[in-house]
Amino acid sequence: MRISLAQLEALLWVVRLGSFRSAATRLNLTQPAISVRVRELEAAVGGKLFLRDSYRAKPTPLGRDIAAHAEQVIAACEELEGRFAAGDELRGPVRIGVADTFAMTCLPELMRHIEKRFPKVRAEIRVDFSVLLNQSLQAGDLDIAILTAPTPNPLVTVEPLVALELCWVASPRLALGKGPFLPADLTDLPIITNPNPSNLYTSITGWFAAAAVQPVRINTCNSLVIMTRLAREGAGISLLPIAILRSEIRSGKLRVLKVMPKIPAHMLAVGYRRDAPGHGLRALSQMIQELASRSDLALFKASRSAGGKA
């Protein structure tokens, strides 16, 4: 008996969702039909694919091996189909999660692109911290999200966008000197950042902790726009993505602080649900990748800012 794409698809969704019933619902089939396909596949490969005495559909070692191959086969088929999918396949409400940095630099252009390419879409935009967007994407409460550090998931496809270079910035009126600054040099200054558990907050506290010091005061704010303004007005220093600071740095309202060690960049990515019908989310993801690659997210760097001065 030859292995069929339908059999591999049935196996893959049972493994992903953990039950024959859920796989049947996802594939719009009856549960007995899923069972038949799995039995046919077992006959073709010569072994059991699931443990029969388990409450959940737990794959055997052979089942995991075949599922890994099925993942590659299905992904290749989806990619091929996506190349020929209609551009207006995406329609109706689409729940889009957006990290603040992307919202400030790219969201207006993204909305214009969606209106042009997917005229039947009603975008439901949610701007939030990446940690919270990731939780919602994993739970299926978002269809697609632009965020940092998404968690891998069999039901979520993740594509990298750009590395978000982070820099400490301060108002020139603080007269902090030329640097370079060590973590210990900045502990007495008020710090403005996103609240815990945001990735910015984690990066800041981890940077100080690695030097065995602790900042005296961390003030939190949930808006990068307001954080930028507070730093510009001298209310404190802040760690921000350089991509959102083009005008402030070039006008001299903010200066980039030279620090040692440098805080690693945050990797911005787009993640979308694989269990959504059709190929519209894949096309939307590709649109987002193209947009990000030619935006300030990719092009504006600290080394080029203010003529290279920090």
C-alpha atoms as a PDB file:
ATOM      1  CA  MET A   1       0.000   0.000   0.000  1.00  0.00           C
ATOM      2  CA  ARG A   2       1.355   3.415  -0.973  1.00  0.00           C
ATOM      3  CA  ILE A   3       1.474   6.261   1.524  1.00  0.00           C
ATOM      4  CA  SER A   4      -0.942   9.078   0.669  1.00  0.00           C
ATOM      5  CA  LEU A   5      -0.891  12.767   1.511  1.00  0.00           C
ATOM      6  CA  ALA A   6      -4.266  12.362   3.241  1.00  0.00           C
ATOM      7  CA  GLN A   7      -2.816   9.717   5.568  1.00  0.00           C
ATOM      8  CA  LEU A   8       0.176  11.891   6.462  1.00  0.00           C
ATOM      9  CA  GLU A   9      -2.086  14.873   7.074  1.00  0.00           C
ATOM     10  CA  ALA A  10      -4.311  12.834   9.398  1.00  0.00           C
ATOM     11  CA  LEU A  11      -1.281  11.595  11.361  1.00  0.00           C
ATOM     12  CA  LEU A  12       0.236  15.057  11.612  1.00  0.00           C
ATOM     13  CA  TRP A  13      -2.892  16.697  13.026  1.00  0.00           C
ATOM     14  CA  VAL A  14      -3.529  13.903  15.512  1.00  0.00           C
ATOM     15  CA  VAL A  15       0.031  14.367  16.794  1.00  0.00           C
ATOM     16  CA  ARG A  16      -0.288  18.174  16.848  1.00  0.00           C
ATOM     17  CA  LEU A  17      -3.662  18.291  18.593  1.00  0.00           C
ATOM     18  CA  GLY A  18      -3.331  15.186  20.754  1.00  0.00           C
ATOM     19  CA  SER A  19      -6.611  13.498  19.791  1.00  0.00           C
ATOM     20  CA  PHE A  20      -8.362  11.880  16.852  1.00  0.00           C
ATOM     21  CA  ARG A  21     -11.493  13.930  17.541  1.00  0.00           C
ATOM     22  CA  SER A  22      -9.656  17.270  17.366  1.00  0.00           C
ATOM     23  CA  ALA A  23      -7.884  16.214  14.175  1.00  0.00           C
ATOM     24  CA  ALA A  24     -11.216  15.249  12.627  1.00  0.00           C
ATOM     25  CA  THR A  25     -12.678  18.652  13.502  1.00  0.00           C
ATOM     26  CA  ARG A  26      -9.627  20.450  12.076  1.00  0.00           C
ATOM     27  CA  LEU A  27      -9.779  18.501   8.799  1.00  0.00           C
ATOM     28  CA  ASN A  28     -13.604  18.596   8.574  1.00  0.00           C
ATOM     29  CA  LEU A  29     -13.816  14.812   8.643  1.00  0.00           C
ATOM     30  CA  THR A  30     -15.452  12.233  10.891  1.00  0.00           C
ATOM     31  CA  GLN A  31     -13.418  10.608  13.628  1.00  0.00           C
ATOM     32  CA  PRO A  32     -13.790   7.140  12.022  1.00  0.00           C
ATOM     33  CA  ALA A  33     -12.370   8.567   8.775  1.00  0.00           C
ATOM     34  CA  ILE A  34      -9.289   9.783  10.646  1.00  0.00           C
ATOM     35  CA  SER A  35      -8.921   6.367  12.285  1.00  0.00           C
ATOM     36  CA  VAL A  36      -9.122   4.621   8.910  1.00  0.00           C
ATOM     37  CA  ARG A  37      -6.392   6.836   7.455  1.00  0.00           C
ATOM     38  CA  VAL A  38      -4.128   6.199  10.413  1.00  0.00           C
ATOM     39  CA  ARG A  39      -4.697   2.417  10.190  1.00  0.00           C
ATOM     40  CA  GLU A  40      -3.912   2.509   6.472  1.00  0.00           C
ATOM     41  CA  LEU A  41      -0.712   4.409   7.198  1.00  0.00           C
ATOM     42  CA  GLU A  42       0.226   1.887   9.903  1.00  0.00           C
ATOM     43  CA  ALA A  43      -0.240  -0.901   7.374  1.00  0.00           C
ATOM     44  CA  ALA A  44       1.928   0.951   4.854  1.00  0.00           C
ATOM     45  CA  VAL A  45       4.806   1.561   7.281  1.00  0.00           C
ATOM     46  CA  GLY A  46       4.495  -1.770   9.087  1.00  0.00           C
ATOM     47  CA  GLY A  47       3.995  -0.674  12.682  1.00  0.00           C
ATOM     48  CA  LYS A  48       1.822   1.044  15.255  1.00  0.00           C
ATOM     49  CA  LEU A  49       1.858   4.843  15.240  1.00  0.00           C
ATOM     50  CA  PHE A  50       0.024   5.513  18.524  1.00  0.00           C
ATOM     51  CA  LEU A  51      -0.016   4.010  22.004  1.00  0.00           C
ATOM     52  CA  ARG A  52      -3.459   2.462  22.401  1.00  0.00           C
ATOM     53  CA  ASP A  53      -3.495   2.525  26.214  1.00  0.00           C
ATOM     54  CA  SER A  54      -2.961   6.272  26.509  1.00  0.00           C
ATOM     55  CA  TYR A  55      -5.745   8.779  27.277  1.00  0.00           C
ATOM     56  CA  ARG A  56      -4.256  11.194  24.778  1.00  0.00           C
ATOM     57  CA  ALA A  57      -3.135  10.144  21.329  1.00  0.00           C
ATOM     58  CA  LYS A  58       0.547   9.696  22.159  1.00  0.00           C
ATOM     59  CA  PRO A  59       2.697   8.678  19.199  1.00  0.00           C
ATOM     60  CA  THR A  60       5.042   5.715  19.341  1.00  0.00           C
ATOM     61  CA  PRO A  61       8.704   6.246  18.373  1.00  0.00           C
ATOM     62  CA  LEU A  62       7.733   5.163  14.856  1.00  0.00           C
ATOM     63  CA  GLY A  63       4.799   7.582  14.953  1.00  0.00           C
ATOM     64  CA  ARG A  64       7.060  10.485  15.924  1.00  0.00           C
ATOM     65  CA  ASP A  65       9.469   9.587  13.141  1.00  0.00           C
ATOM     66  CA  ILE A  66       6.733   9.410  10.497  1.00  0.00           C
ATOM     67  CA  ALA A  67       5.153  12.629  11.831  1.00  0.00           C
ATOM     68  CA  ALA A  68       8.469  14.458  11.414  1.00  0.00           C
ATOM     69  CA  HIS A  69       8.586  13.382   7.773  1.00  0.00           C
ATOM     70  CA  ALA A  70       4.911  14.280   7.366  1.00  0.00           C
ATOM     71  CA  GLU A  71       5.685  17.776   8.705  1.00  0.00           C
ATOM     72  CA  GLN A  72       8.224  18.308   5.924  1.00  0.00           C
ATOM     73  CA  VAL A  73       5.955  16.886   3.222  1.00  0.00           C
ATOM     74  CA  ILE A  74       2.916  18.949   4.273  1.00  0.00           C
ATOM     75  CA  ALA A  75       5.027  22.108   4.587  1.00  0.00           C
ATOM     76  CA  ALA A  76       6.378  21.611   1.066  1.00  0.00           C
ATOM     77  CA  CYS A  77       2.855  21.124  -0.285  1.00  0.00           C
ATOM     78  CA  GLU A  78       1.592  24.210   1.543  1.00  0.00           C
ATOM     79  CA  GLU A  79       4.445  26.271   0.156  1.00  0.00           C
ATOM     80  CA  LEU A  80       3.689  25.087  -3.381  1.00  0.00           C
ATOM     81  CA  GLU A  81      -0.014  25.783  -2.987  1.00  0.00           C
ATOM     82  CA  GLY A  82       0.726  29.185  -1.457  1.00  0.00           C
ATOM     83  CA  ARG A  83       2.560  30.283  -4.601  1.00  0.00           C
ATOM     84  CA  PHE A  84      -0.617  29.854  -6.614  1.00  0.00           C
ATOM     85  CA  ALA A  85      -3.156  30.975  -4.000  1.00  0.00           C
ATOM     86  CA  ALA A  86      -5.382  33.903  -4.871  1.00  0.00           C
ATOM     87  CA  GLY A  87      -4.209  37.205  -3.433  1.00  0.00           C
ATOM     88  CA  ASP A  88      -7.635  37.998  -1.922  1.00  0.00           C
ATOM     89  CA  GLU A  89      -8.003  34.638  -0.168  1.00  0.00           C
ATOM     90  CA  LEU A  90      -7.740  36.328   3.224  1.00  0.00           C
ATOM     91  CA  ARG A  91     -11.093  37.778   4.267  1.00  0.00           C
ATOM     92  CA  GLY A  92     -13.209  38.673   7.254  1.00  0.00           C
ATOM     93  CA  PRO A  93     -11.818  39.549  10.702  1.00  0.00           C
ATOM     94  CA  VAL A  94      -8.080  38.920  11.123  1.00  0.00           C
ATOM     95  CA  ARG A  95      -6.680  39.289  14.632  1.00  0.00           C
ATOM     96  CA  ILE A  96      -3.257  40.931  14.352  1.00  0.00           C
ATOM     97  CA  GLY A  97      -0.953  41.411  17.330  1.00  0.00           C
ATOM     98  CA  VAL A  98       1.724  44.086  17.012  1.00  0.00           C
ATOM     99  CA  ALA A  99       4.631  44.971  19.275  1.00  0.00           C
ATOM    100  CA  ASP A 100       4.999  48.687  19.997  1.00  0.00           C
ATOM    101  CA  THR A 101       8.212  49.085  17.975  1.00  0.00           C
ATOM    102  CA  PHE A 102       6.622  47.709  14.809  1.00  0.00           C
ATOM    103  CA  ALA A 103       3.466  49.742  15.413  1.00  0.00           C
ATOM    104  CA  MET A 104       5.471  52.980  15.601  1.00  0.00           C
ATOM    105  CA  THR A 105       7.517  52.328  12.464  1.00  0.00           C
ATOM    106  CA  CYS A 106       5.476  50.156  10.113  1.00  0.00           C
ATOM    107  CA  LEU A 107       1.827  49.803  11.109  1.00  0.00           C
ATOM    108  CA  PRO A 108       0.364  52.617   8.947  1.00  0.00           C
ATOM    109  CA  GLU A 109       2.065  51.245   5.828  1.00  0.00           C
ATOM    110  CA  LEU A 110       0.991  47.702   6.713  1.00  0.00           C
ATOM    111  CA  MET A 111      -2.624  48.818   6.961  1.00  0.00           C
ATOM    112  CA  ARG A 112      -2.394  50.461   3.540  1.00  0.00           C
ATOM    113  CA  HIS A 113      -0.945  47.265   2.073  1.00  0.00           C
ATOM    114  CA  ILE A 114      -3.672  45.133   3.643  1.00  0.00           C
ATOM    115  CA  GLU A 115      -6.367  47.440   2.272  1.00  0.00           C
ATOM    116  CA  LYS A 116      -4.901  47.155  -1.222  1.00  0.00           C
ATOM    117  CA  ARG A 117      -4.113  43.435  -1.356  1.00  0.00           C
ATOM    118  CA  PHE A 118      -6.789  42.021   0.959  1.00  0.00           C
ATOM    119  CA  PRO A 119      -9.798  44.323   0.501  1.00  0.00           C
ATOM    120  CA  LYS A 120     -12.147  41.827   2.181  1.00  0.00           C
ATOM    121  CA  VAL A 121     -10.164  41.770   5.424  1.00  0.00           C
ATOM    122  CA  ARG A 122     -11.268  43.535   8.602  1.00  0.00           C
ATOM    123  CA  ALA A 123      -8.106  44.013  10.632  1.00  0.00           C
ATOM    124  CA  GLU A 124      -8.442  43.767  14.420  1.00  0.00           C
ATOM    125  CA  ILE A 125      -5.213  45.326  15.727  1.00  0.00           C
ATOM    126  CA  ARG A 126      -3.901  44.740  19.232  1.00  0.00           C
ATOM    127  CA  VAL A 127      -0.723  46.564  20.331  1.00  0.00           C
ATOM    128  CA  ASP A 128       0.871  44.950  23.372  1.00  0.00           C
ATOM    129  CA  PHE A 129       4.061  43.625  24.932  1.00  0.00           C
ATOM    130  CA  SER A 130       5.641  40.760  23.011  1.00  0.00           C
ATOM    131  CA  VAL A 131       5.363  38.435  26.014  1.00  0.00           C
ATOM    132  CA  LEU A 132       1.575  38.896  26.123  1.00  0.00           C
ATOM    133  CA  LEU A 133       1.223  38.713  22.338  1.00  0.00           C
ATOM    134  CA  ASN A 134       3.117  35.429  22.383  1.00  0.00           C
ATOM    135  CA  GLN A 135       0.750  33.974  24.971  1.00  0.00           C
ATOM    136  CA  SER A 136      -2.280  34.971  22.898  1.00  0.00           C
ATOM    137  CA  LEU A 137      -0.776  33.614  19.682  1.00  0.00           C
ATOM    138  CA  GLN A 138      -0.029  30.257  21.321  1.00  0.00           C
ATOM    139  CA  ALA A 139      -3.568  30.104  22.735  1.00  0.00           C
ATOM    140  CA  GLY A 140      -5.148  30.859  19.356  1.00  0.00           C
ATOM    141  CA  ASP A 141      -6.508  34.246  20.430  1.00  0.00           C
ATOM    142  CA  LEU A 142      -4.470  35.921  17.654  1.00  0.00           C
ATOM    143  CA  ASP A 143      -4.145  34.844  14.030  1.00  0.00           C
ATOM    144  CA  ILE A 144      -0.801  36.544  13.392  1.00  0.00           C
ATOM    145  CA  ALA A 145       1.593  38.623  15.474  1.00  0.00           C
ATOM    146  CA  ILE A 146       4.739  40.726  15.016  1.00  0.00           C
ATOM    147  CA  LEU A 147       6.735  40.287  18.205  1.00  0.00           C
ATOM    148  CA  THR A 148      10.082  39.432  19.765  1.00  0.00           C
ATOM    149  CA  ALA A 149      11.038  35.987  21.074  1.00  0.00           C
ATOM    150  CA  PRO A 150       7.968  33.949  20.048  1.00  0.00           C
ATOM    151  CA  THR A 151       7.780  30.433  21.498  1.00  0.00           C
ATOM    152  CA  PRO A 152       8.045  27.566  18.978  1.00  0.00           C
ATOM    153  CA  ASN A 153       4.796  25.667  18.612  1.00  0.00           C
ATOM    154  CA  PRO A 154       3.643  22.967  16.147  1.00  0.00           C
ATOM    155  CA  LEU A 155       0.624  25.138  15.344  1.00  0.00           C
ATOM    156  CA  VAL A 156       2.542  28.396  14.876  1.00  0.00           C
ATOM    157  CA  THR A 157       4.898  29.192  12.015  1.00  0.00           C
ATOM    158  CA  VAL A 158       7.602  31.708  12.938  1.00  0.00           C
ATOM    159  CA  GLU A 159       9.589  33.710  10.379  1.00  0.00           C
ATOM    160  CA  PRO A 160      12.442  36.058  11.413  1.00  0.00           C
ATOM    161  CA  LEU A 161      12.174  39.734  10.488  1.00  0.00           C
ATOM    162  CA  VAL A 162      15.038  41.909  11.766  1.00  0.00           C
ATOM    163  CA  ALA A 163      17.341  42.303  14.742  1.00  0.00           C
ATOM    164  CA  LEU A 164      16.199  45.256  16.849  1.00  0.00           C
ATOM    165  CA  GLU A 165      19.331  47.056  17.994  1.00  0.00           C
ATOM    166  CA  LEU A 166      18.856  48.415  21.514  1.00  0.00           C
ATOM    167  CA  CYS A 167      20.610  51.446  22.969  1.00  0.00           C
ATOM    168  CA  TRP A 168      20.667  53.395  26.192  1.00  0.00           C
ATOM    169  CA  VAL A 169      19.573  56.969  25.525  1.00  0.00           C
ATOM    170  CA  ALA A 170      19.461  60.146  27.599  1.00  0.00           C
ATOM    171  CA  SER A 171      18.745  63.825  27.208  1.00  0.00           C
ATOM    172  CA  PRO A 172      21.878  65.949  26.660  1.00  0.00           C
ATOM    173  CA  ARG A 173      20.678  68.129  29.555  1.00  0.00           C
ATOM    174  CA  LEU A 174      21.684  65.321  31.963  1.00  0.00           C
ATOM    175  CA  ALA A 175      25.353  65.971  31.065  1.00  0.00           C
ATOM    176  CA  LEU A 176      26.416  62.397  31.684  1.00  0.00           C
ATOM    177  CA  GLY A 177      29.836  62.580  30.056  1.00  0.00           C
ATOM    178  CA  LYS A 178      31.229  60.634  27.132  1.00  0.00           C
ATOM    179  CA  GLY A 179      31.446  57.131  28.603  1.00  0.00           C
ATOM    180  CA  PRO A 180      31.756  54.305  27.986  1.00  0.00           C
ATOM    181  CA  PHE A 181      29.502  53.530  30.939  1.00  0.00           C
ATOM    182  CA  LEU A 182      29.499  50.331  32.961  1.00  0.00           C
ATOM    183  CA  PRO A 183      26.313  49.108  34.677  1.00  0.00           C
ATOM    184  CA  ALA A 184      27.643  50.425  37.985  1.00  0.00           C
ATOM    185  CA  ASP A 185      27.888  53.917  36.471  1.00  0.00           C
ATOM    186  CA  LEU A 186      24.149  54.029  35.764  1.00  0.00           C
ATOM    187  CA  THR A 187      22.678  52.547  38.940  1.00  0.00           C
ATOM    188  CA  ASP A 188      21.915  55.930  40.554  1.00  0.00           C
ATOM    189  CA  LEU A 189      20.041  57.288  37.530  1.00  0.00           C
ATOM    190  CA  PRO A 190      16.252  56.902  37.216  1.00  0.00           C
ATOM    191  CA  ILE A 191      15.455  54.344  34.509  1.00  0.00           C
ATOM    192  CA  ILE A 192      12.305  54.366  32.398  1.00  0.00           C
ATOM    193  CA  THR A 193      11.201  51.102  30.803  1.00  0.00           C
ATOM    194  CA  ASN A 194       8.244  48.827  30.098  1.00  0.00           C
ATOM    195  CA  PRO A 195       6.866  46.949  33.101  1.00  0.00           C
ATOM    196  CA  ASN A 196       7.726  43.365  33.926  1.00  0.00           C
ATOM    197  CA  PRO A 197       7.442  40.850  32.192  1.00  0.00           C
ATOM    198  CA  SER A 198       8.318  42.794  29.037  1.00  0.00           C
ATOM    199  CA  ASN A 199      11.477  41.862  27.167  1.00  0.00           C
ATOM    200  CA  LEU A 200      12.909  45.370  27.667  1.00  0.00           C
ATOM    201  CA  TYR A 201      12.471  45.088  31.427  1.00  0.00           C
ATOM    202  CA  THR A 202      14.111  41.652  31.406  1.00  0.00           C
ATOM    203  CA  SER A 203      17.040  42.899  29.310  1.00  0.00           C
ATOM    204  CA  ILE A 204      17.657  45.825  31.670  1.00  0.00           C
ATOM    205  CA  THR A 205      17.473  43.860  34.908  1.00  0.00           C
ATOM    206  CA  GLY A 206      19.592  41.083  33.412  1.00  0.00           C
ATOM    207  CA  TRP A 207      22.253  43.571  32.263  1.00  0.00           C
ATOM    208  CA  PHE A 208      22.638  45.017  35.753  1.00  0.00           C
ATOM    209  CA  ALA A 209      22.426  41.615  37.453  1.00  0.00           C
ATOM    210  CA  ALA A 210      25.251  40.247  35.281  1.00  0.00           C
ATOM    211  CA  ALA A 211      27.468  42.986  36.757  1.00  0.00           C
ATOM    212  CA  ALA A 212      26.271  42.196  40.298  1.00  0.00           C
ATOM    213  CA  VAL A 213      24.682  45.625  40.741  1.00  0.00           C
ATOM    214  CA  GLN A 214      21.097  46.828  40.992  1.00  0.00           C
ATOM    215  CA  PRO A 215      19.574  50.127  39.818  1.00  0.00           C
ATOM    216  CA  VAL A 216      18.177  52.336  42.565  1.00  0.00           C
ATOM    217  CA  ARG A 217      14.954  53.195  40.737  1.00  0.00           C
ATOM    218  CA  ILE A 218      13.157  51.675  37.756  1.00  0.00           C
ATOM    219  CA  ASN A 219      10.076  53.592  36.629  1.00  0.00           C
ATOM    220  CA  THR A 220       7.730  51.765  34.264  1.00  0.00           C
ATOM    221  CA  CYS A 221       5.497  52.894  31.414  1.00  0.00           C
ATOM    222  CA  ASN A 222       3.560  50.812  28.883  1.00  0.00           C
ATOM    223  CA  SER A 223       4.112  53.161  25.914  1.00  0.00           C
ATOM    224  CA  LEU A 224       7.350  53.529  23.964  1.00  0.00           C
ATOM    225  CA  VAL A 225       6.128  56.908  22.721  1.00  0.00           C
ATOM    226  CA  ILE A 226       5.793  58.241  26.257  1.00  0.00           C
ATOM    227  CA  MET A 227       9.039  56.572  27.344  1.00  0.00           C
ATOM    228  CA  THR A 228      10.843  58.355  24.513  1.00  0.00           C
ATOM    229  CA  ARG A 229       9.330  61.680  25.487  1.00  0.00           C
ATOM    230  CA  LEU A 230      10.232  61.219  29.163  1.00  0.00           C
ATOM    231  CA  ALA A 231      13.820  60.426  28.249  1.00  0.00           C
ATOM    232  CA  ARG A 232      13.914  63.414  25.894  1.00  0.00           C
ATOM    233  CA  GLU A 233      12.733  65.698  28.697  1.00  0.00           C
ATOM    234  CA  GLY A 234      15.425  64.424  31.066  1.00  0.00           C
ATOM    235  CA  ALA A 235      13.148  62.427  33.384  1.00  0.00           C
ATOM    236  CA  GLY A 236      15.557  59.494  33.237  1.00  0.00           C
ATOM    237  CA  ILE A 237      17.513  57.239  30.912  1.00  0.00           C
ATOM    238  CA  SER A 238      15.906  54.509  28.863  1.00  0.00           C
ATOM    239  CA  LEU A 239      16.800  51.432  26.850  1.00  0.00           C
ATOM    240  CA  LEU A 240      14.986  51.671  23.518  1.00  0.00           C
ATOM    241  CA  PRO A 241      15.112  50.239  19.993  1.00  0.00           C
ATOM    242  CA  ILE A 242      17.232  52.580  17.875  1.00  0.00           C
ATOM    243  CA  ALA A 243      14.762  52.214  14.991  1.00  0.00           C
ATOM    244  CA  ILE A 244      12.131  54.392  16.687  1.00  0.00           C
ATOM    245  CA  LEU A 245      14.549  57.220  17.553  1.00  0.00           C
ATOM    246  CA  ARG A 246      15.585  58.605  14.153  1.00  0.00           C
ATOM    247  CA  SER A 247      14.238  62.145  14.642  1.00  0.00           C
ATOM    248  CA  GLU A 248      15.214  62.451  18.327  1.00  0.00           C
ATOM    249  CA  ILE A 249      18.819  61.410  17.722  1.00  0.00           C
ATOM    250  CA  ARG A 250      19.378  63.378  14.529  1.00  0.00           C
ATOM    251  CA  SER A 251      17.904  66.508  16.122  1.00  0.00           C
ATOM    252  CA  GLY A 252      20.122  66.102  19.183  1.00  0.00           C
ATOM    253  CA  LYS A 253      17.206  65.788  21.597  1.00  0.00           C
ATOM    254  CA  LEU A 254      18.497  62.373  22.652  1.00  0.00           C
ATOM    255  CA  ARG A 255      22.005  60.974  22.701  1.00  0.00           C
ATOM    256  CA  VAL A 256      23.072  57.347  22.540  1.00  0.00           C
ATOM    257  CA  LEU A 257      25.135  56.324  25.548  1.00  0.00           C
ATOM    258  CA  LYS A 258      28.208  54.205  24.962  1.00  0.00           C
ATOM    259  CA  VAL A 259      27.999  51.273  27.362  1.00  0.00           C
ATOM    260  CA  MET A 260      29.971  48.143  28.172  1.00  0.00           C
ATOM    261  CA  PRO A 261      28.892  45.455  27.714  1.00  0.00           C
ATOM    262  CA  LYS A 262      26.444  46.083  24.911  1.00  0.00           C
ATOM    263  CA  ILE A 263      22.940  44.711  25.406  1.00  0.00           C
ATOM    264  CA  PRO A 264      22.106  42.068  22.752  1.00  0.00           C
ATOM    265  CA  ALA A 265      19.531  42.942  20.121  1.00  0.00           C
ATOM    266  CA  HIS A 266      15.978  41.656  20.319  1.00  0.00           C
ATOM    267  CA  MET A 267      14.995  39.493  17.349  1.00  0.00           C
ATOM    268  CA  LEU A 268      11.730  40.638  15.821  1.00  0.00           C
ATOM    269  CA  ALA A 269       9.690  37.922  14.124  1.00  0.00           C
ATOM    270  CA  VAL A 270       6.284  37.298  12.630  1.00  0.00           C
ATOM    271  CA  GLY A 271       4.313  34.296  13.822  1.00  0.00           C
ATOM    272  CA  TYR A 272       1.044  33.024  12.398  1.00  0.00           C
ATOM    273  CA  ARG A 273      -1.309  30.160  13.110  1.00  0.00           C
ATOM    274  CA  ARG A 274      -0.940  27.120  10.907  1.00  0.00           C
ATOM    275  CA  ASP A 275      -4.425  25.893  11.722  1.00  0.00           C
ATOM    276  CA  ALA A 276      -6.101  28.853  10.011  1.00  0.00           C
ATOM    277  CA  PRO A 277      -7.864  27.919   6.751  1.00  0.00           C
ATOM    278  CA  GLY A 278      -6.283  28.770   3.415  1.00  0.00           C
ATOM    279  CA  HIS A 279      -2.970  30.463   2.691  1.00  0.00           C
ATOM    280  CA  GLY A 280      -3.844  34.090   3.367  1.00  0.00           C
ATOM    281  CA  LEU A 281      -1.848  34.338   6.592  1.00  0.00           C
ATOM    282  CA  ARG A 282       1.246  33.043   4.799  1.00  0.00           C
ATOM    283  CA  ALA A 283       0.833  35.784   2.181  1.00  0.00           C
ATOM    284  CA  LEU A 284       0.297  38.378   4.919  1.00  0.00           C
ATOM    285  CA  SER A 285       3.452  37.166   6.673  1.00  0.00           C
ATOM    286  CA  GLN A 286       5.460  37.561   3.475  1.00  0.00           C
ATOM    287  CA  MET A 287       4.072  41.083   3.082  1.00  0.00           C
ATOM    288  CA  ILE A 288       5.206  41.927   6.614  1.00  0.00           C
ATOM    289  CA  GLN A 289       8.682  40.528   5.953  1.00  0.00           C
ATOM    290  CA  GLU A 290       9.082  42.643   2.827  1.00  0.00           C
ATOM    291  CA  LEU A 291       7.829  45.760   4.604  1.00  0.00           C
ATOM    292  CA  ALA A 292      10.156  45.295   7.595  1.00  0.00           C
ATOM    293  CA  SER A 293      13.218  44.723   5.398  1.00  0.00           C
ATOM    294  CA  ARG A 294      12.972  48.208   3.884  1.00  0.00           C
ATOM    295  CA  SER A 295      11.850  50.087   7.009  1.00  0.00           C
ATOM    296  CA  ASP A 296      13.759  51.891   9.759  1.00  0.00           C
ATOM    297  CA  LEU A 297      13.666  48.604  11.649  1.00  0.00           C
ATOM    298  CA  ALA A 298      16.366  47.302   9.312  1.00  0.00           C
ATOM    299  CA  LEU A 299      17.983  50.464   7.969  1.00  0.00           C
ATOM    300  CA  PHE A 300      18.459  52.868  10.890  1.00  0.00           C
ATOM    301  CA  LYS A 301      21.375  51.821  13.106  1.00  0.00           C
ATOM    302  CA  ALA A 302      23.141  53.409  16.050  1.00  0.00           C
ATOM    303  CA  SER A 303      26.435  53.440  14.120  1.00  0.00           C
ATOM    304  CA  ARG A 304      24.835  55.739  11.531  1.00  0.00           C
ATOM    305  CA  SER A 305      22.854  57.918  13.914  1.00  0.00           C
ATOM    306  CA  ALA A 306      23.833  61.511  14.493  1.00  0.00           C
ATOM    307  CA  GLY A 307      26.772  61.159  12.164  1.00  0.00           C
ATOM    308  CA  GLY A 308      28.112  58.226  14.149  1.00  0.00           C
ATOM    309  CA  LYS A 309      28.302  60.173  17.440  1.00  0.00           C
ATOM    310  CA  ALA A 310      27.115  58.598  20.646  1.00  0.00           C
END
